[in-house]
Amino acid sequence: MLNTLTGNQTNIDNITKNVLKTTAVYYLAEALLNEEYEDCALLIKMAKQFGALRDEIGNVIAVCHAEVIAQADTYILVVPRYY
C-alpha cells in the first residue's frame, strides 16, 4: 500500500512538473511574440527549473523569431513608402 501511494505521488509530481514546464514555455513564447524580451530570461530559467530541455527552449525561440520576422515583413509591405 505504501509503495502504491509513493508511486502515485511520484506520478502526480511528474504531471505537476510537466504542467509547470509547459506553462513556462508557453509564457516564453507569448513574451517573444509580444516582443517583451525583458521577461524572457526569467521565463527561460523557470522553464529549465521545471525540466524544459535546451532544444525545447531553442525551438520555441526559433519559431517565435521566425513569426516576428514574418509579421515585420508583412508590416513593411503594408506601410506606404514615400520617396
PDB file of N, CA and C in Angstrom:
ATOM      1  N   MET A   1       0.828  -1.188   0.000  1.00  0.00           N
ATOM      2  CA  MET A   1       0.000   0.000   0.000  1.00  0.00           C
ATOM      3  C   MET A   1       0.874   1.253   0.000  1.00  0.00           C
ATOM      4  N   LEU A   2       1.910   1.291   0.849  1.00  0.00           N
ATOM      5  CA  LEU A   2       2.791   2.453   0.912  1.00  0.00           C
ATOM      6  C   LEU A   2       3.495   2.661  -0.431  1.00  0.00           C
ATOM      7  N   ASN A   3       3.905   1.560  -1.057  1.00  0.00           N
ATOM      8  CA  ASN A   3       4.559   1.649  -2.354  1.00  0.00           C
ATOM      9  C   ASN A   3       3.609   2.249  -3.393  1.00  0.00           C
ATOM     10  N   THR A   4       2.345   1.872  -3.357  1.00  0.00           N
ATOM     11  CA  THR A   4       1.356   2.403  -4.285  1.00  0.00           C
ATOM     12  C   THR A   4       1.173   3.895  -4.067  1.00  0.00           C
ATOM     13  N   LEU A   5       1.100   4.313  -2.807  1.00  0.00           N
ATOM     14  CA  LEU A   5       0.944   5.731  -2.512  1.00  0.00           C
ATOM     15  C   LEU A   5       2.169   6.524  -2.965  1.00  0.00           C
ATOM     16  N   THR A   6       3.340   5.980  -2.735  1.00  0.00           N
ATOM     17  CA  THR A   6       4.566   6.640  -3.153  1.00  0.00           C
ATOM     18  C   THR A   6       4.612   6.740  -4.681  1.00  0.00           C
ATOM     19  N   GLY A   7       4.217   5.693  -5.358  1.00  0.00           N
ATOM     20  CA  GLY A   7       4.168   5.697  -6.821  1.00  0.00           C
ATOM     21  C   GLY A   7       3.186   6.719  -7.344  1.00  0.00           C
ATOM     22  N   ASN A   8       2.019   6.821  -6.715  1.00  0.00           N
ATOM     23  CA  ASN A   8       1.027   7.809  -7.133  1.00  0.00           C
ATOM     24  C   ASN A   8       1.537   9.228  -6.921  1.00  0.00           C
ATOM     25  N   GLN A   9       2.218   9.444  -5.793  1.00  0.00           N
ATOM     26  CA  GLN A   9       2.758  10.774  -5.512  1.00  0.00           C
ATOM     27  C   GLN A   9       3.820  11.145  -6.551  1.00  0.00           C
ATOM     28  N   THR A  10       4.638  10.194  -6.920  1.00  0.00           N
ATOM     29  CA  THR A  10       5.658  10.444  -7.943  1.00  0.00           C
ATOM     30  C   THR A  10       4.991  10.801  -9.264  1.00  0.00           C
ATOM     31  N   ASN A  11       3.925  10.086  -9.620  1.00  0.00           N
ATOM     32  CA  ASN A  11       3.189  10.359 -10.848  1.00  0.00           C
ATOM     33  C   ASN A  11       2.580  11.762 -10.801  1.00  0.00           C
ATOM     34  N   ILE A  12       2.005  12.136  -9.677  1.00  0.00           N
ATOM     35  CA  ILE A  12       1.416  13.467  -9.525  1.00  0.00           C
ATOM     36  C   ILE A  12       2.500  14.529  -9.630  1.00  0.00           C
ATOM     37  N   ASP A  13       3.650  14.278  -8.997  1.00  0.00           N
ATOM     38  CA  ASP A  13       4.763  15.226  -9.075  1.00  0.00           C
ATOM     39  C   ASP A  13       5.234  15.410 -10.513  1.00  0.00           C
ATOM     40  N   ASN A  14       5.315  14.313 -11.268  1.00  0.00           N
ATOM     41  CA  ASN A  14       5.734  14.388 -12.672  1.00  0.00           C
ATOM     42  C   ASN A  14       4.730  15.171 -13.509  1.00  0.00           C
ATOM     43  N   ILE A  15       3.454  14.924 -13.274  1.00  0.00           N
ATOM     44  CA  ILE A  15       2.408  15.640 -14.016  1.00  0.00           C
ATOM     45  C   ILE A  15       2.468  17.130 -13.686  1.00  0.00           C
ATOM     46  N   THR A  16       2.606  17.437 -12.406  1.00  0.00           N
ATOM     47  CA  THR A  16       2.674  18.829 -11.977  1.00  0.00           C
ATOM     48  C   THR A  16       3.875  19.530 -12.605  1.00  0.00           C
ATOM     49  N   LYS A  17       5.018  18.874 -12.576  1.00  0.00           N
ATOM     50  CA  LYS A  17       6.232  19.447 -13.154  1.00  0.00           C
ATOM     51  C   LYS A  17       6.060  19.668 -14.655  1.00  0.00           C
ATOM     52  N   ASN A  18       5.422  18.716 -15.339  1.00  0.00           N
ATOM     53  CA  ASN A  18       5.208  18.840 -16.775  1.00  0.00           C
ATOM     54  C   ASN A  18       4.256  19.994 -17.088  1.00  0.00           C
ATOM     55  N   VAL A  19       3.219  20.159 -16.287  1.00  0.00           N
ATOM     56  CA  VAL A  19       2.280  21.267 -16.494  1.00  0.00           C
ATOM     57  C   VAL A  19       3.001  22.598 -16.282  1.00  0.00           C
ATOM     58  N   LEU A  20       3.811  22.689 -15.234  1.00  0.00           N
ATOM     59  CA  LEU A  20       4.545  23.917 -14.961  1.00  0.00           C
ATOM     60  C   LEU A  20       5.563  24.213 -16.060  1.00  0.00           C
ATOM     61  N   LYS A  21       6.227  23.182 -16.563  1.00  0.00           N
ATOM     62  CA  LYS A  21       7.187  23.349 -17.659  1.00  0.00           C
ATOM     63  C   LYS A  21       6.468  23.866 -18.904  1.00  0.00           C
ATOM     64  N   THR A  22       5.362  23.239 -19.232  1.00  0.00           N
ATOM     65  CA  THR A  22       4.599  23.632 -20.416  1.00  0.00           C
ATOM     66  C   THR A  22       4.097  25.065 -20.289  1.00  0.00           C
ATOM     67  N   THR A  23       3.644  25.432 -19.107  1.00  0.00           N
ATOM     68  CA  THR A  23       3.163  26.789 -18.873  1.00  0.00           C
ATOM     69  C   THR A  23       4.288  27.799 -19.027  1.00  0.00           C
ATOM     70  N   ALA A  24       5.450  27.502 -18.454  1.00  0.00           N
ATOM     71  CA  ALA A  24       6.592  28.412 -18.566  1.00  0.00           C
ATOM     72  C   ALA A  24       7.026  28.577 -20.022  1.00  0.00           C
ATOM     73  N   VAL A  25       7.049  27.481 -20.773  1.00  0.00           N
ATOM     74  CA  VAL A  25       7.427  27.547 -22.192  1.00  0.00           C
ATOM     75  C   VAL A  25       6.380  28.336 -22.983  1.00  0.00           C
ATOM     76  N   TYR A  26       5.120  28.146 -22.646  1.00  0.00           N
ATOM     77  CA  TYR A  26       4.038  28.897 -23.302  1.00  0.00           C
ATOM     78  C   TYR A  26       4.186  30.395 -23.038  1.00  0.00           C
ATOM     79  N   TYR A  27       4.435  30.760 -21.776  1.00  0.00           N
ATOM     80  CA  TYR A  27       4.623  32.172 -21.438  1.00  0.00           C
ATOM     81  C   TYR A  27       5.851  32.747 -22.123  1.00  0.00           C
ATOM     82  N   LEU A  28       6.898  31.932 -22.279  1.00  0.00           N
ATOM     83  CA  LEU A  28       8.084  32.373 -23.012  1.00  0.00           C
ATOM     84  C   LEU A  28       7.712  32.688 -24.459  1.00  0.00           C
ATOM     85  N   ALA A  29       6.969  31.800 -25.083  1.00  0.00           N
ATOM     86  CA  ALA A  29       6.540  32.023 -26.471  1.00  0.00           C
ATOM     87  C   ALA A  29       5.698  33.296 -26.574  1.00  0.00           C
ATOM     88  N   GLU A  30       4.796  33.483 -25.634  1.00  0.00           N
ATOM     89  CA  GLU A  30       3.957  34.674 -25.627  1.00  0.00           C
ATOM     90  C   GLU A  30       4.798  35.941 -25.498  1.00  0.00           C
ATOM     91  N   ALA A  31       5.779  35.915 -24.589  1.00  0.00           N
ATOM     92  CA  ALA A  31       6.650  37.076 -24.394  1.00  0.00           C
ATOM     93  C   ALA A  31       7.454  37.369 -25.661  1.00  0.00           C
ATOM     94  N   LEU A  32       7.948  36.331 -26.299  1.00  0.00           N
ATOM     95  CA  LEU A  32       8.719  36.529 -27.534  1.00  0.00           C
ATOM     96  C   LEU A  32       7.849  37.114 -28.641  1.00  0.00           C
ATOM     97  N   LEU A  33       6.659  36.576 -28.796  1.00  0.00           N
ATOM     98  CA  LEU A  33       5.763  37.066 -29.849  1.00  0.00           C
ATOM     99  C   LEU A  33       5.313  38.497 -29.601  1.00  0.00           C
ATOM    100  N   ASN A  34       5.193  38.871 -28.333  1.00  0.00           N
ATOM    101  CA  ASN A  34       4.803  40.242 -27.980  1.00  0.00           C
ATOM    102  C   ASN A  34       6.013  41.163 -27.829  1.00  0.00           C
ATOM    103  N   GLU A  35       7.203  40.609 -28.128  1.00  0.00           N
ATOM    104  CA  GLU A  35       8.460  41.350 -28.056  1.00  0.00           C
ATOM    105  C   GLU A  35       8.704  41.927 -26.662  1.00  0.00           C
ATOM    106  N   GLU A  36       8.351  41.162 -25.638  1.00  0.00           N
ATOM    107  CA  GLU A  36       8.584  41.531 -24.241  1.00  0.00           C
ATOM    108  C   GLU A  36       9.854  40.815 -23.765  1.00  0.00           C
ATOM    109  N   TYR A  37      10.960  41.205 -24.343  1.00  0.00           N
ATOM    110  CA  TYR A  37      12.214  40.491 -24.157  1.00  0.00           C
ATOM    111  C   TYR A  37      12.744  40.571 -22.731  1.00  0.00           C
ATOM    112  N   GLU A  38      12.351  41.600 -21.981  1.00  0.00           N
ATOM    113  CA  GLU A  38      12.830  41.725 -20.604  1.00  0.00           C
ATOM    114  C   GLU A  38      12.327  40.584 -19.717  1.00  0.00           C
ATOM    115  N   ASP A  39      11.256  39.918 -20.098  1.00  0.00           N
ATOM    116  CA  ASP A  39      10.700  38.805 -19.318  1.00  0.00           C
ATOM    117  C   ASP A  39      11.313  37.457 -19.691  1.00  0.00           C
ATOM    118  N   CYS A  40      11.996  37.385 -20.814  1.00  0.00           N
ATOM    119  CA  CYS A  40      12.428  36.096 -21.367  1.00  0.00           C
ATOM    120  C   CYS A  40      13.455  35.370 -20.504  1.00  0.00           C
ATOM    121  N   ALA A  41      14.405  36.081 -19.934  1.00  0.00           N
ATOM    122  CA  ALA A  41      15.443  35.421 -19.136  1.00  0.00           C
ATOM    123  C   ALA A  41      14.831  34.678 -17.955  1.00  0.00           C
ATOM    124  N   LEU A  42      13.912  35.321 -17.254  1.00  0.00           N
ATOM    125  CA  LEU A  42      13.258  34.679 -16.111  1.00  0.00           C
ATOM    126  C   LEU A  42      12.412  33.489 -16.563  1.00  0.00           C
ATOM    127  N   LEU A  43      11.705  33.640 -17.660  1.00  0.00           N
ATOM    128  CA  LEU A  43      10.861  32.545 -18.154  1.00  0.00           C
ATOM    129  C   LEU A  43      11.699  31.357 -18.616  1.00  0.00           C
ATOM    130  N   ILE A  44      12.847  31.616 -19.226  1.00  0.00           N
ATOM    131  CA  ILE A  44      13.745  30.521 -19.620  1.00  0.00           C
ATOM    132  C   ILE A  44      14.264  29.810 -18.380  1.00  0.00           C
ATOM    133  N   LYS A  45      14.651  30.580 -17.381  1.00  0.00           N
ATOM    134  CA  LYS A  45      15.144  29.990 -16.133  1.00  0.00           C
ATOM    135  C   LYS A  45      14.069  29.119 -15.476  1.00  0.00           C
ATOM    136  N   MET A  46      12.839  29.614 -15.446  1.00  0.00           N
ATOM    137  CA  MET A  46      11.743  28.836 -14.852  1.00  0.00           C
ATOM    138  C   MET A  46      11.479  27.568 -15.649  1.00  0.00           C
ATOM    139  N   ALA A  47      11.475  27.681 -16.969  1.00  0.00           N
ATOM    140  CA  ALA A  47      11.233  26.512 -17.812  1.00  0.00           C
ATOM    141  C   ALA A  47      12.291  25.445 -17.572  1.00  0.00           C
ATOM    142  N   LYS A  48      13.559  25.879 -17.451  1.00  0.00           N
ATOM    143  CA  LYS A  48      14.643  24.930 -17.177  1.00  0.00           C
ATOM    144  C   LYS A  48      14.468  24.274 -15.813  1.00  0.00           C
ATOM    145  N   GLN A  49      14.060  25.060 -14.815  1.00  0.00           N
ATOM    146  CA  GLN A  49      13.849  24.508 -13.472  1.00  0.00           C
ATOM    147  C   GLN A  49      12.765  23.436 -13.474  1.00  0.00           C
ATOM    148  N   PHE A  50      11.782  23.593 -14.347  1.00  0.00           N
ATOM    149  CA  PHE A  50      10.694  22.625 -14.420  1.00  0.00           C
ATOM    150  C   PHE A  50      10.954  21.519 -15.429  1.00  0.00           C
ATOM    151  N   GLY A  51      12.177  21.479 -15.996  1.00  0.00           N
ATOM    152  CA  GLY A  51      12.570  20.339 -16.818  1.00  0.00           C
ATOM    153  C   GLY A  51      12.594  20.553 -18.313  1.00  0.00           C
ATOM    154  N   ALA A  52      12.419  21.783 -18.778  1.00  0.00           N
ATOM    155  CA  ALA A  52      12.483  22.019 -20.223  1.00  0.00           C
ATOM    156  C   ALA A  52      13.911  21.790 -20.706  1.00  0.00           C
ATOM    157  N   LEU A  53      14.036  21.117 -21.802  1.00  0.00           N
ATOM    158  CA  LEU A  53      15.338  20.843 -22.392  1.00  0.00           C
ATOM    159  C   LEU A  53      15.805  22.033 -23.233  1.00  0.00           C
ATOM    160  N   ARG A  54      17.106  22.122 -23.409  1.00  0.00           N
ATOM    161  CA  ARG A  54      17.693  23.205 -24.198  1.00  0.00           C
ATOM    162  C   ARG A  54      17.085  23.240 -25.599  1.00  0.00           C
ATOM    163  N   ASP A  55      16.890  22.076 -26.206  1.00  0.00           N
ATOM    164  CA  ASP A  55      16.314  22.011 -27.552  1.00  0.00           C
ATOM    165  C   ASP A  55      14.877  22.528 -27.581  1.00  0.00           C
ATOM    166  N   GLU A  56      14.105  22.209 -26.551  1.00  0.00           N
ATOM    167  CA  GLU A  56      12.720  22.684 -26.486  1.00  0.00           C
ATOM    168  C   GLU A  56      12.677  24.211 -26.441  1.00  0.00           C
ATOM    169  N   ILE A  57      13.521  24.784 -25.596  1.00  0.00           N
ATOM    170  CA  ILE A  57      13.569  26.243 -25.480  1.00  0.00           C
ATOM    171  C   ILE A  57      14.088  26.855 -26.782  1.00  0.00           C
ATOM    172  N   GLY A  58      15.111  26.249 -27.355  1.00  0.00           N
ATOM    173  CA  GLY A  58      15.657  26.737 -28.620  1.00  0.00           C
ATOM    174  C   GLY A  58      14.641  26.710 -29.748  1.00  0.00           C
ATOM    175  N   ASN A  59      13.841  25.662 -29.793  1.00  0.00           N
ATOM    176  CA  ASN A  59      12.807  25.560 -30.830  1.00  0.00           C
ATOM    177  C   ASN A  59      11.751  26.647 -30.666  1.00  0.00           C
ATOM    178  N   VAL A  60      11.357  26.920 -29.433  1.00  0.00           N
ATOM    179  CA  VAL A  60      10.369  27.973 -29.177  1.00  0.00           C
ATOM    180  C   VAL A  60      10.933  29.319 -29.626  1.00  0.00           C
ATOM    181  N   ILE A  61      12.189  29.578 -29.283  1.00  0.00           N
ATOM    182  CA  ILE A  61      12.815  30.842 -29.677  1.00  0.00           C
ATOM    183  C   ILE A  61      12.880  30.955 -31.196  1.00  0.00           C
ATOM    184  N   ALA A  62      13.280  29.887 -31.865  1.00  0.00           N
ATOM    185  CA  ALA A  62      13.402  29.910 -33.327  1.00  0.00           C
ATOM    186  C   ALA A  62      12.054  30.136 -34.002  1.00  0.00           C
ATOM    187  N   VAL A  63      11.042  29.431 -33.559  1.00  0.00           N
ATOM    188  CA  VAL A  63       9.711  29.566 -34.163  1.00  0.00           C
ATOM    189  C   VAL A  63       9.155  30.968 -33.937  1.00  0.00           C
ATOM    190  N   CYS A  64       9.304  31.460 -32.722  1.00  0.00           N
ATOM    191  CA  CYS A  64       8.782  32.799 -32.410  1.00  0.00           C
ATOM    192  C   CYS A  64       9.558  33.870 -33.158  1.00  0.00           C
ATOM    193  N   HIS A  65      10.865  33.690 -33.279  1.00  0.00           N
ATOM    194  CA  HIS A  65      11.679  34.653 -34.026  1.00  0.00           C
ATOM    195  C   HIS A  65      11.222  34.694 -35.486  1.00  0.00           C
ATOM    196  N   ALA A  66      11.002  33.540 -36.060  1.00  0.00           N
ATOM    197  CA  ALA A  66      10.539  33.479 -37.448  1.00  0.00           C
ATOM    198  C   ALA A  66       9.175  34.160 -37.594  1.00  0.00           C
ATOM    199  N   GLU A  67       8.314  33.974 -36.620  1.00  0.00           N
ATOM    200  CA  GLU A  67       6.975  34.589 -36.660  1.00  0.00           C
ATOM    201  C   GLU A  67       7.078  36.106 -36.540  1.00  0.00           C
ATOM    202  N   VAL A  68       7.924  36.596 -35.652  1.00  0.00           N
ATOM    203  CA  VAL A  68       8.103  38.040 -35.500  1.00  0.00           C
ATOM    204  C   VAL A  68       8.664  38.628 -36.787  1.00  0.00           C
ATOM    205  N   ILE A  69       9.628  37.944 -37.402  1.00  0.00           N
ATOM    206  CA  ILE A  69      10.193  38.411 -38.673  1.00  0.00           C
ATOM    207  C   ILE A  69       9.123  38.424 -39.758  1.00  0.00           C
ATOM    208  N   ALA A  70       8.308  37.377 -39.805  1.00  0.00           N
ATOM    209  CA  ALA A  70       7.239  37.303 -40.810  1.00  0.00           C
ATOM    210  C   ALA A  70       6.238  38.437 -40.605  1.00  0.00           C
ATOM    211  N   GLN A  71       5.909  38.736 -39.364  1.00  0.00           N
ATOM    212  CA  GLN A  71       4.989  39.841 -39.090  1.00  0.00           C
ATOM    213  C   GLN A  71       5.616  41.169 -39.489  1.00  0.00           C
ATOM    214  N   ALA A  72       6.899  41.335 -39.209  1.00  0.00           N
ATOM    215  CA  ALA A  72       7.595  42.566 -39.573  1.00  0.00           C
ATOM    216  C   ALA A  72       7.615  42.737 -41.083  1.00  0.00           C
ATOM    217  N   ASP A  73       7.846  41.658 -41.824  1.00  0.00           N
ATOM    218  CA  ASP A  73       7.836  41.729 -43.280  1.00  0.00           C
ATOM    219  C   ASP A  73       6.460  42.135 -43.787  1.00  0.00           C
ATOM    220  N   THR A  74       5.436  41.597 -43.158  1.00  0.00           N
ATOM    221  CA  THR A  74       4.070  41.945 -43.554  1.00  0.00           C
ATOM    222  C   THR A  74       3.820  43.423 -43.310  1.00  0.00           C
ATOM    223  N   TYR A  75       4.241  43.921 -42.164  1.00  0.00           N
ATOM    224  CA  TYR A  75       4.032  45.332 -41.848  1.00  0.00           C
ATOM    225  C   TYR A  75       4.818  46.228 -42.808  1.00  0.00           C
ATOM    226  N   ILE A  76       5.991  45.804 -43.174  1.00  0.00           N
ATOM    227  CA  ILE A  76       6.798  46.615 -44.103  1.00  0.00           C
ATOM    228  C   ILE A  76       6.108  46.707 -45.465  1.00  0.00           C
ATOM    229  N   LEU A  77       5.475  45.623 -45.889  1.00  0.00           N
ATOM    230  CA  LEU A  77       4.779  45.633 -47.174  1.00  0.00           C
ATOM    231  C   LEU A  77       3.527  46.485 -47.130  1.00  0.00           C
ATOM    232  N   VAL A  78       2.904  46.585 -45.971  1.00  0.00           N
ATOM    233  CA  VAL A  78       1.653  47.339 -45.846  1.00  0.00           C
ATOM    234  C   VAL A  78       1.918  48.834 -45.729  1.00  0.00           C
ATOM    235  N   VAL A  79       2.999  49.211 -45.101  1.00  0.00           N
ATOM    236  CA  VAL A  79       3.294  50.626 -44.864  1.00  0.00           C
ATOM    237  C   VAL A  79       3.699  51.279 -46.189  1.00  0.00           C
ATOM    238  N   PRO A  80       3.039  52.386 -46.536  1.00  0.00           N
ATOM    239  CA  PRO A  80       3.394  53.041 -47.792  1.00  0.00           C
ATOM    240  C   PRO A  80       4.768  53.692 -47.697  1.00  0.00           C
ATOM    241  N   ARG A  81       5.468  53.687 -48.813  1.00  0.00           N
ATOM    242  CA  ARG A  81       6.803  54.282 -48.862  1.00  0.00           C
ATOM    243  C   ARG A  81       6.704  55.627 -49.591  1.00  0.00           C
ATOM    244  N   TYR A  82       7.326  56.589 -48.974  1.00  0.00           N
ATOM    245  CA  TYR A  82       7.353  57.915 -49.586  1.00  0.00           C
ATOM    246  C   TYR A  82       8.756  58.181 -50.100  1.00  0.00           C
ATOM    247  N   TYR A  83       8.854  58.547 -51.358  1.00  0.00           N
ATOM    248  CA  TYR A  83      10.156  58.776 -51.982  1.00  0.00           C
ATOM    249  C   TYR A  83      10.407  60.265 -52.109  1.00  0.00           C
TER     250      TYR A  83
END
